[in-house]
Amino acid sequence: MTSDFEAQLRAVSLRVTRPRLAVLAALRDHPHVDTDAVIDLVRADHPTVSHQAVYDVLRALTDTGLVRRIQPAGATARYESRATDNHHHVVCRSCGAIADVDCAVGHAPCLTASDDHGFVVDEAEVVYWGICPDCVTRSEEGNR
């Protein structure tokens, strides 16, 4: 998998570095994590990588489109490596868990605006809100 990451970095003209590979691996294994979680994941295997290095890597990977930054209303920014398609997210109102949701209808941008006001739409961002199964179960158990 490291060679895949190396190829991805080279394809967007980024040097292959240990911090970049570590961040990509962390996001592959733990999608939808915030910056602090990325730092913890990277430093678990590479304790000498600084906080600033992780911030810089996240910015570079986001700027080049290798990583997607999402920020549901009222939540901290999260990062994911699934950045090449136009998928959406479902967010738990209780615990903040996030899951990917593939486009339900049509091709990207998945939704056609009822009035695009002359914009050339190339992406749609949809966030579904609800309660995740774990929180529903906890709530039902608490009501017994």
N, C-alpha and C. Protein backbone atom coordinates (compact mmCIF):
# COMPACT_ATOMS: atom_id res chain seq x y z
N MET A 1 0.83 -1.20 0.00
CA MET A 1 0.00 0.00 0.00
C MET A 1 0.86 1.26 0.00
N THR A 2 2.05 1.17 0.59
CA THR A 2 2.93 2.33 0.62
C THR A 2 3.26 2.80 -0.79
N SER A 3 3.47 1.85 -1.72
CA SER A 3 3.78 2.24 -3.09
C SER A 3 2.61 2.98 -3.73
N ASP A 4 1.36 2.62 -3.35
CA ASP A 4 0.19 3.37 -3.83
C ASP A 4 0.24 4.81 -3.34
N PHE A 5 0.56 4.98 -2.07
CA PHE A 5 0.66 6.33 -1.51
C PHE A 5 1.78 7.11 -2.19
N GLU A 6 2.89 6.44 -2.43
CA GLU A 6 4.01 7.10 -3.11
C GLU A 6 3.59 7.57 -4.49
N ALA A 7 2.87 6.72 -5.22
CA ALA A 7 2.41 7.08 -6.56
C ALA A 7 1.43 8.25 -6.50
N GLN A 8 0.53 8.24 -5.50
CA GLN A 8 -0.44 9.33 -5.34
C GLN A 8 0.29 10.65 -5.09
N LEU A 9 1.29 10.63 -4.22
CA LEU A 9 2.04 11.85 -3.91
C LEU A 9 2.78 12.36 -5.14
N ARG A 10 3.42 11.45 -5.84
CA ARG A 10 4.17 11.86 -7.04
C ARG A 10 3.24 12.40 -8.12
N ALA A 11 2.03 11.83 -8.21
CA ALA A 11 1.07 12.26 -9.24
C ALA A 11 0.64 13.72 -9.05
N VAL A 12 0.72 14.22 -7.83
CA VAL A 12 0.35 15.62 -7.57
C VAL A 12 1.59 16.47 -7.27
N SER A 13 2.75 15.95 -7.67
CA SER A 13 4.03 16.67 -7.55
C SER A 13 4.42 16.97 -6.10
N LEU A 14 4.09 16.06 -5.19
CA LEU A 14 4.56 16.19 -3.81
C LEU A 14 5.66 15.19 -3.57
N ARG A 15 6.69 15.62 -2.83
CA ARG A 15 7.75 14.69 -2.45
C ARG A 15 7.19 13.61 -1.53
N VAL A 16 7.76 12.43 -1.64
CA VAL A 16 7.39 11.33 -0.75
C VAL A 16 8.18 11.49 0.53
N THR A 17 7.46 11.72 1.64
CA THR A 17 8.11 11.87 2.94
C THR A 17 7.42 10.94 3.94
N ARG A 18 8.15 10.61 4.98
CA ARG A 18 7.58 9.73 6.01
C ARG A 18 6.32 10.33 6.64
N PRO A 19 6.28 11.63 6.99
CA PRO A 19 5.05 12.18 7.55
C PRO A 19 3.86 12.11 6.57
N ARG A 20 4.09 12.36 5.30
CA ARG A 20 3.00 12.29 4.33
C ARG A 20 2.46 10.86 4.20
N LEU A 21 3.37 9.90 4.15
CA LEU A 21 2.94 8.50 4.08
C LEU A 21 2.17 8.10 5.33
N ALA A 22 2.64 8.57 6.48
CA ALA A 22 1.99 8.24 7.75
C ALA A 22 0.59 8.84 7.84
N VAL A 23 0.43 10.08 7.39
CA VAL A 23 -0.89 10.72 7.41
C VAL A 23 -1.84 9.99 6.46
N LEU A 24 -1.38 9.67 5.26
CA LEU A 24 -2.24 8.94 4.32
C LEU A 24 -2.67 7.59 4.89
N ALA A 25 -1.75 6.89 5.53
CA ALA A 25 -2.09 5.60 6.13
C ALA A 25 -3.10 5.76 7.27
N ALA A 26 -2.89 6.79 8.09
CA ALA A 26 -3.82 7.04 9.21
C ALA A 26 -5.23 7.31 8.69
N LEU A 27 -5.33 8.11 7.64
CA LEU A 27 -6.65 8.45 7.10
C LEU A 27 -7.29 7.28 6.37
N ARG A 28 -6.48 6.43 5.76
CA ARG A 28 -7.02 5.22 5.12
C ARG A 28 -7.64 4.31 6.18
N ASP A 29 -6.95 4.16 7.31
CA ASP A 29 -7.40 3.25 8.36
C ASP A 29 -8.43 3.85 9.30
N HIS A 30 -8.50 5.19 9.35
CA HIS A 30 -9.41 5.87 10.28
C HIS A 30 -10.05 7.07 9.59
N PRO A 31 -11.02 6.84 8.72
CA PRO A 31 -11.64 7.98 8.03
C PRO A 31 -12.44 8.86 9.00
N HIS A 32 -12.56 10.11 8.65
CA HIS A 32 -13.37 11.08 9.38
C HIS A 32 -12.81 11.42 10.75
N VAL A 33 -11.49 11.49 10.86
CA VAL A 33 -10.88 11.87 12.14
C VAL A 33 -10.46 13.33 12.11
N ASP A 34 -10.40 13.91 13.30
CA ASP A 34 -9.99 15.31 13.40
C ASP A 34 -8.47 15.40 13.46
N THR A 35 -7.96 16.61 13.47
CA THR A 35 -6.52 16.84 13.43
C THR A 35 -5.82 16.19 14.62
N ASP A 36 -6.38 16.33 15.81
CA ASP A 36 -5.74 15.75 16.99
C ASP A 36 -5.62 14.24 16.87
N ALA A 37 -6.65 13.60 16.34
CA ALA A 37 -6.59 12.14 16.16
C ALA A 37 -5.54 11.76 15.12
N VAL A 38 -5.43 12.54 14.05
CA VAL A 38 -4.39 12.27 13.04
C VAL A 38 -3.02 12.37 13.69
N ILE A 39 -2.81 13.41 14.47
CA ILE A 39 -1.52 13.59 15.16
C ILE A 39 -1.22 12.38 16.04
N ASP A 40 -2.20 11.96 16.84
CA ASP A 40 -2.00 10.80 17.72
C ASP A 40 -1.69 9.54 16.93
N LEU A 41 -2.42 9.32 15.83
CA LEU A 41 -2.20 8.13 15.01
C LEU A 41 -0.82 8.14 14.38
N VAL A 42 -0.41 9.27 13.85
CA VAL A 42 0.91 9.37 13.21
C VAL A 42 2.01 9.20 14.24
N ARG A 43 1.86 9.86 15.38
CA ARG A 43 2.93 9.83 16.39
C ARG A 43 3.02 8.48 17.10
N ALA A 44 1.98 7.67 17.03
CA ALA A 44 2.05 6.33 17.62
C ALA A 44 3.13 5.50 16.93
N ASP A 45 3.28 5.68 15.62
CA ASP A 45 4.31 4.95 14.86
C ASP A 45 5.56 5.77 14.60
N HIS A 46 5.41 7.09 14.61
CA HIS A 46 6.52 7.99 14.30
C HIS A 46 6.57 9.11 15.34
N PRO A 47 7.07 8.82 16.54
CA PRO A 47 7.01 9.79 17.64
C PRO A 47 7.77 11.09 17.40
N THR A 48 8.68 11.12 16.44
CA THR A 48 9.44 12.34 16.21
C THR A 48 8.75 13.31 15.25
N VAL A 49 7.63 12.91 14.65
CA VAL A 49 6.90 13.80 13.74
C VAL A 49 6.19 14.86 14.59
N SER A 50 6.43 16.11 14.29
CA SER A 50 5.87 17.21 15.08
C SER A 50 4.41 17.47 14.74
N HIS A 51 3.74 18.15 15.67
CA HIS A 51 2.37 18.58 15.42
C HIS A 51 2.31 19.44 14.16
N GLN A 52 3.25 20.39 14.05
CA GLN A 52 3.25 21.30 12.92
C GLN A 52 3.43 20.54 11.61
N ALA A 53 4.25 19.50 11.62
CA ALA A 53 4.45 18.71 10.40
C ALA A 53 3.14 18.07 9.96
N VAL A 54 2.37 17.56 10.91
CA VAL A 54 1.08 16.95 10.57
C VAL A 54 0.12 18.01 10.02
N TYR A 55 0.08 19.18 10.65
CA TYR A 55 -0.75 20.27 10.13
C TYR A 55 -0.36 20.62 8.70
N ASP A 56 0.94 20.73 8.47
CA ASP A 56 1.44 21.09 7.13
C ASP A 56 1.09 20.01 6.11
N VAL A 57 1.24 18.75 6.51
CA VAL A 57 0.91 17.64 5.60
C VAL A 57 -0.58 17.65 5.28
N LEU A 58 -1.43 17.82 6.28
CA LEU A 58 -2.88 17.85 6.03
C LEU A 58 -3.23 18.98 5.06
N ARG A 59 -2.61 20.13 5.23
CA ARG A 59 -2.88 21.25 4.33
C ARG A 59 -2.42 20.93 2.91
N ALA A 60 -1.23 20.38 2.77
CA ALA A 60 -0.71 20.04 1.44
C ALA A 60 -1.56 18.97 0.76
N LEU A 61 -1.94 17.96 1.51
CA LEU A 61 -2.75 16.88 0.94
C LEU A 61 -4.14 17.36 0.57
N THR A 62 -4.69 18.27 1.36
CA THR A 62 -6.00 18.84 1.06
C THR A 62 -5.91 19.76 -0.16
N ASP A 63 -4.89 20.59 -0.20
CA ASP A 63 -4.71 21.52 -1.32
C ASP A 63 -4.55 20.79 -2.65
N THR A 64 -3.94 19.61 -2.63
CA THR A 64 -3.72 18.87 -3.87
C THR A 64 -4.87 17.92 -4.19
N GLY A 65 -5.84 17.80 -3.29
CA GLY A 65 -7.00 16.94 -3.55
C GLY A 65 -6.81 15.49 -3.17
N LEU A 66 -5.71 15.15 -2.51
CA LEU A 66 -5.52 13.76 -2.08
C LEU A 66 -6.33 13.46 -0.82
N VAL A 67 -6.65 14.49 -0.07
CA VAL A 67 -7.41 14.37 1.16
C VAL A 67 -8.55 15.37 1.10
N ARG A 68 -9.66 14.99 1.67
CA ARG A 68 -10.83 15.87 1.71
C ARG A 68 -11.06 16.31 3.16
N ARG A 69 -11.28 17.59 3.34
CA ARG A 69 -11.59 18.16 4.65
C ARG A 69 -13.09 18.40 4.69
N ILE A 70 -13.74 17.87 5.71
CA ILE A 70 -15.17 18.10 5.88
C ILE A 70 -15.38 18.74 7.24
N GLN A 71 -16.42 19.56 7.35
CA GLN A 71 -16.72 20.18 8.63
C GLN A 71 -18.22 20.34 8.76
N PRO A 72 -18.88 19.28 9.26
CA PRO A 72 -20.33 19.42 9.50
C PRO A 72 -20.61 20.54 10.48
N ALA A 73 -21.73 21.19 10.34
CA ALA A 73 -22.10 22.31 11.20
C ALA A 73 -21.95 21.94 12.67
N GLY A 74 -21.26 22.81 13.40
CA GLY A 74 -21.10 22.61 14.83
C GLY A 74 -20.05 21.58 15.22
N ALA A 75 -19.32 21.05 14.25
CA ALA A 75 -18.31 20.04 14.53
C ALA A 75 -16.92 20.54 14.13
N THR A 76 -15.91 19.88 14.66
CA THR A 76 -14.55 20.22 14.25
C THR A 76 -14.29 19.64 12.86
N ALA A 77 -13.33 20.19 12.18
CA ALA A 77 -12.96 19.69 10.86
C ALA A 77 -12.47 18.26 10.97
N ARG A 78 -12.86 17.47 9.99
CA ARG A 78 -12.43 16.07 9.90
C ARG A 78 -11.78 15.86 8.55
N TYR A 79 -11.00 14.80 8.44
CA TYR A 79 -10.28 14.51 7.20
C TYR A 79 -10.56 13.08 6.77
N GLU A 80 -10.55 12.88 5.46
CA GLU A 80 -10.72 11.55 4.90
C GLU A 80 -9.91 11.43 3.63
N SER A 81 -9.50 10.21 3.33
CA SER A 81 -8.71 9.99 2.12
C SER A 81 -9.60 9.67 0.92
N ARG A 82 -10.87 9.46 1.13
CA ARG A 82 -11.80 9.24 0.02
C ARG A 82 -12.15 10.61 -0.56
N ALA A 83 -11.32 11.05 -1.48
CA ALA A 83 -11.45 12.43 -1.96
C ALA A 83 -11.72 12.54 -3.45
N THR A 84 -11.73 11.42 -4.16
CA THR A 84 -11.83 11.51 -5.61
C THR A 84 -13.24 11.32 -6.15
N ASP A 85 -14.19 11.07 -5.28
CA ASP A 85 -15.58 10.96 -5.74
C ASP A 85 -16.44 11.96 -4.97
N ASN A 86 -17.63 12.15 -5.44
CA ASN A 86 -18.53 13.12 -4.81
C ASN A 86 -19.54 12.36 -3.95
N HIS A 87 -19.08 11.90 -2.79
CA HIS A 87 -19.97 11.22 -1.86
C HIS A 87 -20.41 12.19 -0.77
N HIS A 88 -21.31 11.74 0.05
CA HIS A 88 -21.86 12.59 1.10
C HIS A 88 -21.62 11.92 2.46
N HIS A 89 -22.21 12.49 3.51
CA HIS A 89 -21.99 11.98 4.85
C HIS A 89 -23.28 11.96 5.66
N VAL A 90 -23.34 11.03 6.61
CA VAL A 90 -24.39 11.01 7.61
C VAL A 90 -23.70 11.22 8.95
N VAL A 91 -24.27 12.11 9.77
CA VAL A 91 -23.65 12.50 11.04
C VAL A 91 -24.62 12.25 12.18
N CYS A 92 -24.12 11.63 13.24
CA CYS A 92 -24.94 11.38 14.43
C CYS A 92 -25.02 12.66 15.26
N ARG A 93 -26.23 13.08 15.56
CA ARG A 93 -26.45 14.27 16.38
C ARG A 93 -26.02 14.06 17.83
N SER A 94 -25.95 12.80 18.25
CA SER A 94 -25.63 12.51 19.64
C SER A 94 -24.13 12.38 19.88
N CYS A 95 -23.47 11.49 19.16
CA CYS A 95 -22.04 11.23 19.43
C CYS A 95 -21.10 11.83 18.39
N GLY A 96 -21.63 12.30 17.27
CA GLY A 96 -20.80 12.90 16.23
C GLY A 96 -20.20 11.92 15.25
N ALA A 97 -20.55 10.64 15.34
CA ALA A 97 -20.03 9.65 14.39
C ALA A 97 -20.39 10.07 12.97
N ILE A 98 -19.49 9.78 12.03
CA ILE A 98 -19.70 10.14 10.63
C ILE A 98 -19.48 8.91 9.77
N ALA A 99 -20.35 8.73 8.80
CA ALA A 99 -20.21 7.63 7.84
C ALA A 99 -20.41 8.17 6.43
N ASP A 100 -19.78 7.51 5.47
CA ASP A 100 -19.93 7.89 4.07
C ASP A 100 -21.28 7.42 3.53
N VAL A 101 -21.83 8.22 2.62
CA VAL A 101 -23.06 7.88 1.92
C VAL A 101 -22.80 8.11 0.44
N ASP A 102 -22.90 7.06 -0.36
CA ASP A 102 -22.71 7.22 -1.79
C ASP A 102 -23.86 8.04 -2.37
N CYS A 103 -23.60 8.66 -3.52
CA CYS A 103 -24.64 9.44 -4.19
C CYS A 103 -25.85 8.54 -4.44
N ALA A 104 -27.01 9.06 -4.10
CA ALA A 104 -28.23 8.27 -4.21
C ALA A 104 -28.78 8.25 -5.63
N VAL A 105 -28.62 9.32 -6.35
CA VAL A 105 -29.24 9.44 -7.66
C VAL A 105 -28.29 10.14 -8.62
N GLY A 106 -28.15 9.60 -9.80
CA GLY A 106 -27.46 10.31 -10.87
C GLY A 106 -25.96 10.35 -10.74
N HIS A 107 -25.35 11.10 -11.61
CA HIS A 107 -23.91 11.25 -11.66
C HIS A 107 -23.52 12.53 -10.93
N ALA A 108 -22.22 12.65 -10.63
CA ALA A 108 -21.73 13.86 -9.97
C ALA A 108 -22.21 15.06 -10.75
N PRO A 109 -22.71 16.06 -10.13
CA PRO A 109 -22.64 16.30 -8.70
C PRO A 109 -23.77 15.68 -7.88
N CYS A 110 -24.42 14.67 -8.37
CA CYS A 110 -25.44 13.90 -7.66
C CYS A 110 -26.77 14.60 -7.54
N LEU A 111 -26.77 15.89 -7.42
CA LEU A 111 -28.02 16.62 -7.27
C LEU A 111 -28.05 17.75 -8.29
N THR A 112 -29.20 17.99 -8.81
CA THR A 112 -29.38 19.11 -9.71
C THR A 112 -30.14 20.18 -8.94
N ALA A 113 -29.56 21.35 -8.84
CA ALA A 113 -30.20 22.44 -8.11
C ALA A 113 -31.49 22.86 -8.80
N SER A 114 -32.51 23.17 -8.01
CA SER A 114 -33.78 23.63 -8.59
C SER A 114 -33.59 24.96 -9.30
N ASP A 115 -32.64 25.77 -8.82
CA ASP A 115 -32.28 27.02 -9.49
C ASP A 115 -30.81 27.23 -9.22
N ASP A 116 -29.98 27.07 -10.24
CA ASP A 116 -28.53 27.20 -10.04
C ASP A 116 -28.05 28.64 -10.13
N HIS A 117 -28.98 29.59 -10.37
CA HIS A 117 -28.66 31.02 -10.41
C HIS A 117 -27.51 31.33 -11.37
N GLY A 118 -27.36 30.52 -12.39
CA GLY A 118 -26.32 30.74 -13.38
C GLY A 118 -24.97 30.13 -13.04
N PHE A 119 -24.87 29.51 -11.88
CA PHE A 119 -23.62 28.87 -11.49
C PHE A 119 -23.40 27.62 -12.32
N VAL A 120 -22.16 27.29 -12.58
CA VAL A 120 -21.80 26.00 -13.17
C VAL A 120 -21.49 25.09 -11.98
N VAL A 121 -22.42 24.24 -11.63
CA VAL A 121 -22.30 23.39 -10.44
C VAL A 121 -21.39 22.21 -10.76
N ASP A 122 -20.35 22.02 -9.93
CA ASP A 122 -19.46 20.89 -10.15
C ASP A 122 -19.35 19.98 -8.93
N GLU A 123 -20.05 20.34 -7.85
CA GLU A 123 -20.03 19.51 -6.66
C GLU A 123 -21.25 19.83 -5.81
N ALA A 124 -21.76 18.81 -5.15
CA ALA A 124 -22.85 19.01 -4.21
C ALA A 124 -22.42 18.42 -2.88
N GLU A 125 -22.66 19.14 -1.80
CA GLU A 125 -22.32 18.64 -0.48
C GLU A 125 -23.61 18.45 0.29
N VAL A 126 -23.87 17.22 0.64
CA VAL A 126 -25.09 16.89 1.38
C VAL A 126 -24.67 16.25 2.70
N VAL A 127 -25.25 16.69 3.78
CA VAL A 127 -25.01 16.08 5.08
C VAL A 127 -26.36 15.63 5.62
N TYR A 128 -26.46 14.34 5.85
CA TYR A 128 -27.64 13.78 6.48
C TYR A 128 -27.40 13.75 7.98
N TRP A 129 -28.37 14.17 8.75
CA TRP A 129 -28.25 14.19 10.21
C TRP A 129 -29.22 13.21 10.82
N GLY A 130 -28.82 12.56 11.89
CA GLY A 130 -29.70 11.62 12.57
C GLY A 130 -29.01 11.07 13.81
N ILE A 131 -29.47 9.92 14.25
CA ILE A 131 -28.90 9.25 15.42
C ILE A 131 -28.36 7.91 14.95
N CYS A 132 -27.10 7.62 15.28
CA CYS A 132 -26.47 6.38 14.84
C CYS A 132 -27.05 5.19 15.61
N PRO A 133 -26.88 3.98 15.07
CA PRO A 133 -27.44 2.78 15.72
C PRO A 133 -26.96 2.59 17.16
N ASP A 134 -25.67 2.89 17.45
CA ASP A 134 -25.16 2.72 18.81
C ASP A 134 -25.89 3.66 19.78
N CYS A 135 -26.12 4.91 19.37
CA CYS A 135 -26.80 5.86 20.26
C CYS A 135 -28.27 5.51 20.42
N VAL A 136 -28.89 5.00 19.38
CA VAL A 136 -30.30 4.56 19.49
C VAL A 136 -30.38 3.43 20.49
N THR A 137 -29.47 2.45 20.41
CA THR A 137 -29.46 1.33 21.34
C THR A 137 -29.24 1.81 22.77
N ARG A 138 -28.27 2.71 22.97
CA ARG A 138 -28.02 3.23 24.32
C ARG A 138 -29.24 3.96 24.87
N SER A 139 -29.92 4.71 24.00
CA SER A 139 -31.11 5.45 24.42
C SER A 139 -32.23 4.48 24.81
N GLU A 140 -32.41 3.44 24.02
CA GLU A 140 -33.46 2.46 24.32
C GLU A 140 -33.16 1.71 25.60
N GLU A 141 -31.87 1.39 25.81
CA GLU A 141 -31.49 0.69 27.05
C GLU A 141 -31.67 1.60 28.26
N GLY A 142 -31.44 2.89 28.08
CA GLY A 142 -31.60 3.84 29.17
C GLY A 142 -33.06 4.06 29.54
N ASN A 143 -33.97 3.78 28.62
CA ASN A 143 -35.41 3.97 28.85
C ASN A 143 -36.06 2.74 29.45
N ARG A 144 -35.29 1.70 29.69
CA ARG A 144 -35.88 0.46 30.24
C ARG A 144 -35.86 0.46 31.72
